[in-house]
């Protein structure tokens, strides 16, 4: 069941966010927007010299998609914590599906906190990121 932040209960799922397949243009635009110009993300010759078959997405781009999932569900000012672990590389052509599930609703430091487990995976189900976020609700 999908619920709003104010009505969240353990086991509720956030609405799934699925991206279009990652393209070379996406990576070039992200380089400009983020200031991360590491050539392994945009220069095929560089990527091959580094032992990769192709360029691949920035880890922070994948994290940004999870951030979009979170802020599409709840106001950004209520986000208290957002942590991720990078599990595997996101390749060109991967369509990323971001999911979240409420794992706890508890009182912390005088406010209600809603904890959410996060995952992102490609169209084949390969996990790219795992993480956790926490939102605060005024009492």
Foldseek 3Di string as FASTA:
>chain_A
DADAPVPDDAFHKQPKDKAFFAALVNQVVCCVVVVPPDCLQRPQVVVVVVVHNGRFHDLVVVVVSLVCSVCVRDPPVQWDDKDKDFDDTHHGRWIKMKMKGFHDWDDDPQWTKTKIWIWIDTPVRHTGMTIMIIGTDHD
